[in-house]
Amino acid sequence: MMLDADTCHAACDAKDRRFDGRFYVGVKSTGIYCRCICPARTPKRINRTFWPSAAAAEGAGFRPCLLCRPERAPGLAPIDAPARLAAAAYARIEAGSLEEQGLEALADELGVTSRHLRRVMNAQFGASPIEIAQTGRLLAARRLLNETALSITEIAFASGFRSLRRFNATMKDRYGAPPSKMRGRKALARGDTFTVSLSPRGDYNIAPMLDFLAKRALPGVEAANDRSYARVLKWGDALGWLDVRMGPKGLMLTLSENLAPHLRPLVANVRGAFDLDAEMTTVDAHLSTDRSLTKDVKREPGVRVPGALDGFETAIRAVLGQQVTVQGARTLTERLVAKYGAPLERGPDGLDRAFPDAAALANAGPAAIAKIGLPMKRAETLHRLAVASNDGKLPLARGAIAAGRSALAQIPGIGPWTIEYIAMRALGDPDAYPATDIALINALGRKGETLEHLKPWRAYAAIRLWRRVAKKGIQT
């Protein structure tokens, strides 16, 4: 969203949370850049400059504020098509995509050319994908320096730098001091866990999110109640756990320390899974144009789309949920987890097993998978999913909407409902809508409705309709 100077000045003067993360304020008198909600004394109007992203501000020579911590700001909400592409690319870059696969592969994953992607990113954020990745690495390092007791070497590699020497040089060049001088004032003791805070955009109602997750929680893998959500998670070679709950300034994410080297992509993943960057004022206003949803929105504003922390897991569970109730799908999934999930030795009470990874199911074969009580055709579909994912041919990361949809459509046994459900929860498509879902049909009272008039926010309509049906005691 392009904002004029007068609007930015007004947002600074009011410390308006609605504009947090939409732009950054460079202060010419100090060389610092801040969020518009910074608790420090508001700089004089003559000293303010405005930048569309942290990367743009740093590219102009400004250093991040130590009070408002730009690395904690919510991301931009995707409004129009270019903004949605830019937001998807930004999310993938924040998750470490450029380090993993490079710009050409990222552009292909997003269904555009690298030239077009660079043009859109520069227009939206005032910085190139490479510059955004560099700033992301630096801000991730600042977070780790201030909020964990990890060593400087561990932080360097966890932030995405490939050498300690390069890390030290870049930090000193950009921020004027080596990492050893940038530790927080409060000494942090090394322990089994660490906690970071995540700022949402606008008011955040976590109750519908936790309700959705609790109804689908897998014993041993997940635990959810009206206050928090915790789960076992395998990330790369690390098997650990995380806990998410509301804090005084947003969501508090607690991780087992062995997941610390993966903090940057995990933060990006949690932000997406809990839909922290959605512009709910815009979404709710759009949904309210449909009379059948007006009461839902008025009664319960800010219902966000529950995403996924593991795209492969979501795909497997979607197939297991084909043509069965939530309870039926959970029973089948519990059997799959008991048979193929890796055990977690040290976790919170009740969390002791990870969801099976792609390699485990690919090696098992369809006949063995079918023994959990599945028809052979469905077991074959699960096996094909696992093989494609294990071979790197099934991109299910948040933001990979075009590539993910295309890859799913090529797998026998994956139909329109499954693709839409996975696109909604794993790929982060705000317009995904599984129109053939029986619960959605029951909620609307008619078949064949695709809610075209609610584009590009149909995923939010689906969540509200599912919630409406669930409140009536009907399983979805």
Protein backbone atom coordinates (compact mmCIF):
# COMPACT_ATOMS: atom_id res chain seq x y z
CA MET A 1 0.00 0.00 0.00
CA MET A 2 1.47 3.34 -1.06
CA LEU A 3 1.08 5.96 1.68
CA ASP A 4 1.50 9.71 1.29
CA ALA A 5 3.74 11.75 3.61
CA ASP A 6 0.83 13.45 5.40
CA THR A 7 -0.67 10.08 6.34
CA CYS A 8 2.70 8.82 7.58
CA HIS A 9 3.25 11.97 9.65
CA ALA A 10 -0.21 11.61 11.19
CA ALA A 11 0.42 7.93 12.00
CA CYS A 12 3.71 8.88 13.71
CA ASP A 13 2.12 11.64 15.75
CA ALA A 14 -0.68 9.31 16.91
CA LYS A 15 1.56 6.21 17.20
CA ASP A 16 -1.21 4.50 15.26
CA ARG A 17 -0.94 0.69 15.49
CA ARG A 18 -2.90 0.27 12.25
CA PHE A 19 0.16 1.47 10.34
CA ASP A 20 2.75 -0.57 12.22
CA GLY A 21 4.92 -2.36 9.64
CA ARG A 22 3.36 -0.54 6.67
CA PHE A 23 6.26 1.89 6.64
CA TYR A 24 9.33 2.79 8.69
CA VAL A 25 10.46 6.18 9.92
CA GLY A 26 14.04 7.22 9.25
CA VAL A 27 15.19 9.91 11.68
CA LYS A 28 17.79 12.13 10.02
CA SER A 29 19.05 13.62 13.28
CA THR A 30 19.97 10.23 14.77
CA GLY A 31 20.48 7.91 11.79
CA ILE A 32 17.98 5.48 13.33
CA TYR A 33 14.84 4.03 11.76
CA CYS A 34 11.76 3.13 13.82
CA ARG A 35 8.27 1.71 13.69
CA CYS A 36 5.58 4.40 13.79
CA ILE A 37 4.58 3.14 17.27
CA CYS A 38 8.05 3.66 18.77
CA PRO A 39 7.79 4.56 22.48
CA ALA A 40 10.67 7.04 22.19
CA ARG A 41 9.95 10.74 21.89
CA THR A 42 8.44 11.42 18.49
CA PRO A 43 11.05 13.03 16.21
CA LYS A 44 10.45 16.46 14.77
CA ARG A 45 8.55 16.45 11.50
CA ILE A 46 11.51 18.03 9.66
CA ASN A 47 13.74 15.08 10.65
CA ARG A 48 11.40 12.31 9.46
CA THR A 49 11.80 10.30 6.28
CA PHE A 50 9.57 7.39 5.31
CA TRP A 51 10.51 4.02 3.87
CA PRO A 52 8.31 1.14 2.63
CA SER A 53 10.43 -1.58 4.26
CA ALA A 54 13.21 -2.16 6.76
CA ALA A 55 15.47 -3.11 3.85
CA ALA A 56 14.83 0.23 2.14
CA ALA A 57 15.58 2.14 5.36
CA GLU A 58 18.80 0.23 5.92
CA GLY A 59 19.77 0.68 2.28
CA ALA A 60 19.55 4.43 2.90
CA GLY A 61 21.99 4.13 5.79
CA PHE A 62 19.64 4.05 8.79
CA ARG A 63 20.16 1.63 11.70
CA PRO A 64 17.27 -0.18 13.50
CA CYS A 65 15.94 1.30 16.73
CA LEU A 66 16.78 -0.55 19.95
CA LEU A 67 13.47 0.43 21.58
CA CYS A 68 10.74 -0.40 19.07
CA ARG A 69 12.73 -3.28 17.50
CA PRO A 70 11.79 -3.24 13.77
CA GLU A 71 12.40 -7.00 13.60
CA ARG A 72 9.20 -7.45 15.63
CA ALA A 73 6.93 -5.45 13.30
CA PRO A 74 4.06 -7.21 11.54
CA GLY A 75 4.37 -7.80 7.81
CA LEU A 76 2.48 -6.11 5.02
CA ALA A 77 -0.99 -7.41 4.26
CA PRO A 78 -1.56 -8.42 0.62
CA ILE A 79 -4.35 -6.29 -0.85
CA ASP A 80 -4.06 -6.26 -4.67
CA ALA A 81 -2.40 -8.77 -7.01
CA PRO A 82 1.10 -7.20 -7.04
CA ALA A 83 0.97 -6.81 -3.26
CA ARG A 84 -0.05 -10.47 -2.85
CA LEU A 85 2.86 -11.58 -5.01
CA ALA A 86 5.25 -9.32 -3.11
CA ALA A 87 3.93 -10.51 0.26
CA ALA A 88 4.26 -14.17 -0.77
CA ALA A 89 7.82 -13.58 -1.96
CA TYR A 90 8.64 -11.66 1.21
CA ALA A 91 7.36 -14.53 3.37
CA ARG A 92 9.42 -17.05 1.43
CA ILE A 93 12.53 -14.85 1.66
CA GLU A 94 12.03 -14.43 5.41
CA ALA A 95 11.83 -18.21 5.68
CA GLY A 96 15.26 -18.50 4.04
CA SER A 97 14.22 -19.36 0.49
CA LEU A 98 17.00 -17.43 -1.25
CA GLU A 99 19.65 -19.20 0.81
CA GLU A 100 18.06 -22.57 0.03
CA GLN A 101 17.30 -22.27 -3.68
CA GLY A 102 18.18 -18.87 -5.15
CA LEU A 103 16.14 -16.18 -6.88
CA GLU A 104 15.36 -18.01 -10.13
CA ALA A 105 13.89 -21.00 -8.27
CA LEU A 106 11.87 -18.73 -5.99
CA ALA A 107 10.41 -16.85 -8.95
CA ASP A 108 9.53 -20.13 -10.65
CA GLU A 109 7.86 -21.33 -7.46
CA LEU A 110 5.76 -18.17 -7.44
CA GLY A 111 4.86 -18.54 -11.11
CA VAL A 112 6.66 -15.43 -12.41
CA THR A 113 9.99 -14.51 -13.98
CA SER A 114 12.85 -13.34 -11.76
CA ARG A 115 12.84 -10.00 -13.59
CA HIS A 116 9.16 -9.44 -12.82
CA LEU A 117 9.70 -10.49 -9.20
CA ARG A 118 12.54 -7.99 -8.77
CA ARG A 119 10.39 -5.25 -10.31
CA VAL A 120 7.42 -5.99 -8.00
CA MET A 121 9.58 -6.22 -4.88
CA ASN A 122 11.30 -2.92 -5.65
CA ALA A 123 7.95 -1.24 -6.26
CA GLN A 124 6.39 -2.63 -3.10
CA PHE A 125 9.28 -2.53 -0.64
CA GLY A 126 11.83 -0.16 -2.17
CA ALA A 127 14.46 -2.90 -2.15
CA SER A 128 15.50 -5.90 -4.21
CA PRO A 129 14.95 -9.51 -3.07
CA ILE A 130 18.67 -9.81 -2.28
CA GLU A 131 18.59 -6.65 -0.14
CA ILE A 132 15.47 -7.85 1.66
CA ALA A 133 17.15 -11.20 2.39
CA GLN A 134 20.24 -9.45 3.75
CA THR A 135 18.19 -7.23 6.03
CA GLY A 136 16.17 -10.27 7.14
CA ARG A 137 19.36 -12.07 8.14
CA LEU A 138 20.60 -9.07 10.09
CA LEU A 139 17.32 -8.49 11.90
CA ALA A 140 17.08 -12.20 12.74
CA ALA A 141 20.57 -11.97 14.22
CA ARG A 142 19.53 -8.95 16.30
CA ARG A 143 16.57 -10.90 17.66
CA LEU A 144 18.77 -13.85 18.59
CA LEU A 145 21.37 -11.58 20.18
CA ASN A 146 18.72 -9.89 22.31
CA GLU A 147 16.42 -12.79 23.13
CA THR A 148 18.57 -15.93 23.34
CA ALA A 149 21.78 -17.09 25.00
CA LEU A 150 23.12 -18.69 21.82
CA SER A 151 26.79 -18.14 21.03
CA ILE A 152 27.82 -15.65 18.36
CA THR A 153 28.83 -18.53 16.06
CA GLU A 154 25.47 -20.27 16.48
CA ILE A 155 23.64 -17.01 15.80
CA ALA A 156 25.66 -16.38 12.64
CA PHE A 157 24.62 -19.65 11.05
CA ALA A 158 21.08 -19.58 12.44
CA SER A 159 20.56 -16.17 10.79
CA GLY A 160 21.57 -17.49 7.38
CA PHE A 161 25.21 -16.37 7.18
CA ARG A 162 27.63 -18.93 5.82
CA SER A 163 30.69 -17.80 7.76
CA LEU A 164 31.39 -16.14 11.10
CA ARG A 165 33.81 -13.73 9.44
CA ARG A 166 31.17 -12.54 6.98
CA PHE A 167 28.63 -12.20 9.80
CA ASN A 168 30.93 -10.06 11.94
CA ALA A 169 31.95 -7.85 9.01
CA THR A 170 28.37 -7.31 7.81
CA MET A 171 27.04 -6.46 11.27
CA LYS A 172 29.85 -3.97 11.88
CA ASP A 173 29.46 -2.42 8.44
CA ARG A 174 25.67 -2.07 8.67
CA TYR A 175 25.17 -1.36 12.39
CA GLY A 176 28.52 0.13 13.38
CA ALA A 177 29.42 -2.51 15.97
CA PRO A 178 30.35 -6.21 16.03
CA PRO A 179 27.77 -8.73 17.28
CA SER A 180 29.57 -9.11 20.62
CA LYS A 181 28.75 -5.47 21.40
CA MET A 182 25.07 -5.79 20.51
CA ARG A 183 23.87 -8.20 23.18
CA GLY A 184 20.86 -7.06 25.18
CA ARG A 185 21.45 -5.44 28.54
CA LYS A 186 19.74 -8.29 30.39
CA ALA A 187 21.95 -11.36 30.68
CA LEU A 188 20.18 -14.48 29.41
CA ALA A 189 20.91 -17.87 30.91
CA ARG A 190 21.14 -20.82 28.60
CA GLY A 191 18.31 -23.28 29.20
CA ASP A 192 16.05 -25.83 27.60
CA THR A 193 13.79 -23.22 25.99
CA PHE A 194 13.70 -19.62 24.85
CA THR A 195 10.84 -17.24 24.06
CA VAL A 196 10.37 -14.50 21.45
CA SER A 197 7.43 -12.16 20.89
CA LEU A 198 5.54 -11.76 17.61
CA SER A 199 3.49 -8.63 16.91
CA PRO A 200 0.23 -9.12 15.00
CA ARG A 201 -1.30 -6.55 12.67
CA GLY A 202 -4.17 -4.87 14.48
CA ASP A 203 -6.24 -6.45 17.22
CA TYR A 204 -5.74 -10.18 17.48
CA ASN A 205 -8.49 -12.58 18.52
CA ILE A 206 -6.77 -15.90 19.20
CA ALA A 207 -9.92 -17.72 20.44
CA PRO A 208 -11.23 -18.86 17.02
CA MET A 209 -7.73 -20.00 16.04
CA LEU A 210 -7.28 -22.09 19.17
CA ASP A 211 -10.79 -23.49 18.85
CA PHE A 212 -10.09 -24.65 15.29
CA LEU A 213 -6.74 -26.21 16.25
CA ALA A 214 -8.11 -27.87 19.40
CA LYS A 215 -10.83 -29.68 17.45
CA ARG A 216 -8.16 -31.16 15.15
CA ALA A 217 -5.30 -31.69 17.62
CA LEU A 218 -3.53 -35.05 17.43
CA PRO A 219 -2.77 -36.63 20.82
CA GLY A 220 0.97 -36.89 21.38
CA VAL A 221 1.72 -34.46 18.53
CA GLU A 222 -0.37 -31.44 19.51
CA ALA A 223 -2.07 -29.95 22.54
CA ALA A 224 -4.49 -27.02 22.36
CA ASN A 225 -6.86 -25.33 24.78
CA ASP A 226 -8.44 -21.90 25.14
CA ARG A 227 -5.10 -20.34 26.12
CA SER A 228 -2.34 -21.95 24.04
CA TYR A 229 -1.25 -24.30 21.29
CA ALA A 230 1.79 -26.57 21.56
CA ARG A 231 3.19 -29.24 19.30
CA VAL A 232 6.13 -31.44 18.40
CA LEU A 233 7.84 -30.29 15.22
CA LYS A 234 10.63 -31.69 13.10
CA TRP A 235 12.59 -29.02 11.23
CA GLY A 236 15.50 -30.25 9.17
CA ASP A 237 17.44 -32.61 11.40
CA ALA A 238 16.12 -31.05 14.61
CA LEU A 239 13.23 -32.63 16.50
CA GLY A 240 11.80 -30.30 19.12
CA TRP A 241 8.63 -28.55 20.23
CA LEU A 242 7.02 -25.13 20.36
CA ASP A 243 4.30 -23.36 22.31
CA VAL A 244 2.24 -20.35 21.17
CA ARG A 245 0.07 -18.22 23.44
CA MET A 246 -1.05 -14.60 23.84
CA GLY A 247 1.21 -12.22 25.70
CA PRO A 248 0.86 -8.55 26.66
CA LYS A 249 2.14 -7.30 23.27
CA GLY A 250 1.23 -10.11 20.91
CA LEU A 251 1.93 -13.80 20.57
CA MET A 252 4.66 -15.38 22.68
CA LEU A 253 6.51 -18.16 20.85
CA THR A 254 8.44 -20.56 23.07
CA LEU A 255 10.79 -23.05 21.41
CA SER A 256 12.90 -25.92 22.63
CA GLU A 257 16.49 -24.72 22.36
CA ASN A 258 17.47 -27.27 19.72
CA LEU A 259 15.16 -25.40 17.32
CA ALA A 260 17.02 -22.11 17.87
CA PRO A 261 19.24 -22.54 14.77
CA HIS A 262 16.02 -22.48 12.73
CA LEU A 263 14.45 -19.45 14.39
CA ARG A 264 14.25 -17.30 11.25
CA PRO A 265 12.17 -19.71 9.14
CA LEU A 266 10.19 -20.83 12.18
CA VAL A 267 9.15 -17.27 13.02
CA ALA A 268 8.04 -16.78 9.41
CA ASN A 269 6.13 -20.05 9.57
CA VAL A 270 4.38 -19.24 12.84
CA ARG A 271 3.45 -15.77 11.59
CA GLY A 272 1.82 -17.41 8.58
CA ALA A 273 0.20 -20.27 10.49
CA PHE A 274 -1.43 -17.84 12.94
CA ASP A 275 -2.20 -15.31 10.18
CA LEU A 276 -0.55 -12.47 12.10
CA ASP A 277 -0.13 -10.15 9.12
CA ALA A 278 -3.69 -10.14 7.80
CA GLU A 279 -5.40 -6.76 7.41
CA MET A 280 -8.62 -7.88 9.12
CA THR A 281 -10.32 -4.50 8.87
CA THR A 282 -10.17 -4.77 5.08
CA VAL A 283 -11.12 -8.45 5.04
CA ASP A 284 -14.09 -8.07 7.38
CA ALA A 285 -15.38 -5.03 5.47
CA HIS A 286 -15.30 -7.04 2.25
CA LEU A 287 -17.01 -10.08 3.77
CA SER A 288 -19.72 -7.85 5.22
CA THR A 289 -20.87 -6.99 1.70
CA ASP A 290 -22.44 -10.47 1.69
CA ARG A 291 -25.64 -10.32 3.75
CA SER A 292 -25.28 -13.94 4.84
CA LEU A 293 -21.96 -13.09 6.54
CA THR A 294 -22.75 -9.64 7.95
CA LYS A 295 -24.01 -10.97 11.30
CA ASP A 296 -21.03 -13.32 11.64
CA VAL A 297 -18.57 -10.48 11.14
CA LYS A 298 -20.40 -8.12 13.48
CA ARG A 299 -20.71 -10.74 16.21
CA GLU A 300 -17.10 -11.92 15.98
CA PRO A 301 -14.71 -9.60 14.13
CA GLY A 302 -11.19 -10.60 13.20
CA VAL A 303 -11.57 -14.34 12.53
CA ARG A 304 -8.34 -15.32 10.78
CA VAL A 305 -7.41 -18.34 8.68
CA PRO A 306 -5.59 -21.09 10.63
CA GLY A 307 -2.55 -21.97 8.57
CA ALA A 308 -0.07 -24.82 8.89
CA LEU A 309 3.34 -25.26 10.44
CA ASP A 310 4.07 -28.28 8.24
CA GLY A 311 2.75 -28.21 4.67
CA PHE A 312 3.40 -31.91 4.07
CA GLU A 313 1.52 -32.86 7.22
CA THR A 314 -1.42 -30.71 6.11
CA ALA A 315 -1.50 -32.44 2.72
CA ILE A 316 -1.48 -35.90 4.30
CA ARG A 317 -4.20 -34.95 6.76
CA ALA A 318 -6.29 -33.44 3.97
CA VAL A 319 -6.22 -36.74 2.07
CA LEU A 320 -7.07 -38.64 5.23
CA GLY A 321 -9.98 -36.26 5.71
CA GLN A 322 -11.50 -36.87 2.28
CA GLN A 323 -15.19 -37.72 2.66
CA VAL A 324 -14.98 -38.31 6.42
CA THR A 325 -15.70 -36.21 9.51
CA VAL A 326 -13.04 -34.40 11.51
CA GLN A 327 -13.25 -37.15 14.16
CA GLY A 328 -12.93 -39.89 11.57
CA ALA A 329 -9.91 -38.24 9.98
CA ARG A 330 -8.30 -37.77 13.38
CA THR A 331 -8.68 -41.46 14.20
CA LEU A 332 -6.93 -42.48 10.98
CA THR A 333 -4.23 -39.87 11.50
CA GLU A 334 -3.57 -41.07 15.06
CA ARG A 335 -2.92 -44.56 13.70
CA LEU A 336 -0.53 -43.19 11.07
CA VAL A 337 1.37 -41.19 13.71
CA ALA A 338 1.59 -44.16 16.09
CA LYS A 339 3.05 -46.33 13.33
CA TYR A 340 5.43 -43.93 11.56
CA GLY A 341 5.98 -40.88 13.78
CA ALA A 342 9.40 -40.32 15.37
CA PRO A 343 9.38 -40.30 19.22
CA LEU A 344 10.37 -37.16 21.14
CA GLU A 345 12.33 -38.03 24.26
CA ARG A 346 12.14 -34.71 26.12
CA GLY A 347 8.98 -32.73 25.62
CA PRO A 348 6.16 -31.15 27.62
CA ASP A 349 3.63 -33.47 29.24
CA GLY A 350 1.53 -35.19 26.61
CA LEU A 351 3.79 -34.32 23.66
CA ASP A 352 5.96 -37.26 22.71
CA ARG A 353 5.80 -37.89 18.97
CA ALA A 354 6.31 -36.06 15.68
CA PHE A 355 4.11 -36.34 12.64
CA PRO A 356 5.64 -38.80 10.11
CA ASP A 357 7.94 -37.09 7.62
CA ALA A 358 7.92 -37.65 3.88
CA ALA A 359 10.87 -40.07 3.96
CA ALA A 360 9.16 -42.37 6.47
CA LEU A 361 5.96 -42.67 4.41
CA ALA A 362 7.79 -42.87 1.09
CA ASN A 363 9.84 -45.80 2.40
CA ALA A 364 6.79 -47.53 3.91
CA GLY A 365 4.94 -48.16 0.65
CA PRO A 366 1.18 -48.07 0.01
CA ALA A 367 0.43 -51.59 1.23
CA ALA A 368 1.86 -50.90 4.68
CA ILE A 369 0.14 -47.51 4.89
CA ALA A 370 -3.22 -49.09 4.02
CA LYS A 371 -3.04 -51.22 7.18
CA ILE A 372 -4.11 -48.25 9.31
CA GLY A 373 -7.59 -48.84 7.86
CA LEU A 374 -7.46 -47.10 4.49
CA PRO A 375 -8.69 -48.17 1.07
CA MET A 376 -5.72 -49.05 -1.11
CA LYS A 377 -6.36 -46.16 -3.51
CA ARG A 378 -6.17 -43.63 -0.74
CA ALA A 379 -3.04 -45.27 0.65
CA GLU A 380 -1.50 -45.00 -2.82
CA THR A 381 -2.35 -41.29 -2.88
CA LEU A 382 -0.62 -40.78 0.47
CA HIS A 383 2.42 -42.65 -0.81
CA ARG A 384 2.55 -40.56 -4.00
CA LEU A 385 2.41 -37.39 -1.88
CA ALA A 386 5.26 -38.65 0.27
CA VAL A 387 7.43 -39.64 -2.69
CA ALA A 388 6.86 -36.32 -4.48
CA SER A 389 7.66 -34.37 -1.32
CA ASN A 390 10.71 -36.48 -0.50
CA ASP A 391 12.02 -35.96 -4.05
CA GLY A 392 11.59 -32.18 -3.80
CA LYS A 393 8.83 -32.11 -6.43
CA LEU A 394 6.01 -30.95 -4.17
CA PRO A 395 6.48 -27.34 -2.97
CA LEU A 396 4.12 -26.83 -0.05
CA ALA A 397 5.71 -23.79 1.59
CA ARG A 398 3.59 -20.78 2.41
CA GLY A 399 3.53 -18.46 -0.61
CA ALA A 400 4.26 -21.16 -3.21
CA ILE A 401 0.66 -20.98 -4.40
CA ALA A 402 1.09 -21.44 -8.14
CA ALA A 403 3.76 -24.15 -7.95
CA GLY A 404 2.04 -25.95 -5.09
CA ARG A 405 -1.35 -26.06 -6.80
CA SER A 406 0.23 -27.28 -10.03
CA ALA A 407 2.19 -30.06 -8.33
CA LEU A 408 -0.83 -31.24 -6.33
CA ALA A 409 -3.02 -31.38 -9.44
CA GLN A 410 -0.60 -33.88 -11.02
CA ILE A 411 -0.99 -36.44 -8.23
CA PRO A 412 -3.76 -39.03 -8.82
CA GLY A 413 -6.27 -39.01 -5.99
CA ILE A 414 -5.89 -35.27 -5.30
CA GLY A 415 -9.09 -33.53 -6.32
CA PRO A 416 -10.40 -29.95 -6.19
CA TRP A 417 -11.48 -30.08 -2.51
CA THR A 418 -8.09 -31.32 -1.38
CA ILE A 419 -6.19 -28.76 -3.46
CA GLU A 420 -8.29 -25.88 -2.13
CA TYR A 421 -7.95 -27.02 1.47
CA ILE A 422 -4.17 -27.38 1.19
CA ALA A 423 -3.91 -24.06 -0.66
CA MET A 424 -5.85 -22.36 2.13
CA ARG A 425 -3.91 -23.77 5.09
CA ALA A 426 -0.44 -24.70 3.81
CA LEU A 427 0.15 -22.42 0.81
CA GLY A 428 -1.47 -19.36 2.37
CA ASP A 429 -3.83 -18.60 -0.52
CA PRO A 430 -6.34 -16.06 0.91
CA ASP A 431 -8.76 -16.83 -1.93
CA ALA A 432 -8.80 -20.63 -1.66
CA TYR A 433 -12.31 -21.99 -1.32
CA PRO A 434 -13.26 -25.73 -1.21
CA ALA A 435 -16.73 -25.21 -2.68
CA THR A 436 -17.65 -28.92 -2.62
CA ASP A 437 -17.15 -29.16 1.16
CA ILE A 438 -20.34 -30.53 2.67
CA ALA A 439 -20.13 -28.29 5.73
CA LEU A 440 -19.85 -25.17 3.56
CA ILE A 441 -22.81 -26.34 1.49
CA ASN A 442 -24.82 -26.89 4.70
CA ALA A 443 -23.84 -23.47 6.01
CA LEU A 444 -24.94 -21.73 2.82
CA GLY A 445 -27.97 -23.96 2.29
CA ARG A 446 -27.21 -24.49 -1.38
CA LYS A 447 -24.83 -26.35 -3.67
CA GLY A 448 -22.61 -24.98 -6.40
CA GLU A 449 -21.90 -21.66 -4.65
CA THR A 450 -18.33 -20.49 -5.23
CA LEU A 451 -18.68 -17.02 -3.64
CA GLU A 452 -17.02 -15.29 -6.59
CA HIS A 453 -18.21 -11.93 -5.27
CA LEU A 454 -16.00 -12.36 -2.19
CA LYS A 455 -12.71 -12.65 -4.10
CA PRO A 456 -9.88 -12.34 -3.07
CA TRP A 457 -10.81 -13.26 0.53
CA ARG A 458 -12.86 -16.44 0.13
CA ALA A 459 -10.64 -18.43 2.53
CA TYR A 460 -11.82 -16.11 5.31
CA ALA A 461 -15.42 -16.73 4.28
CA ALA A 462 -14.83 -20.49 4.45
CA ILE A 463 -13.41 -20.27 7.98
CA ARG A 464 -16.42 -18.25 9.13
CA LEU A 465 -18.87 -20.67 7.56
CA TRP A 466 -17.12 -23.66 9.13
CA ARG A 467 -17.23 -21.87 12.46
CA ARG A 468 -20.95 -21.18 12.06
CA VAL A 469 -21.67 -24.85 11.40
CA ALA A 470 -19.45 -26.00 14.27
CA LYS A 471 -21.33 -23.77 16.71
CA LYS A 472 -24.52 -25.61 15.76
CA GLY A 473 -22.89 -28.87 16.84
CA ILE A 474 -22.48 -30.24 13.31
CA GLN A 475 -19.14 -31.94 12.61
CA THR A 476 -17.10 -30.49 9.76
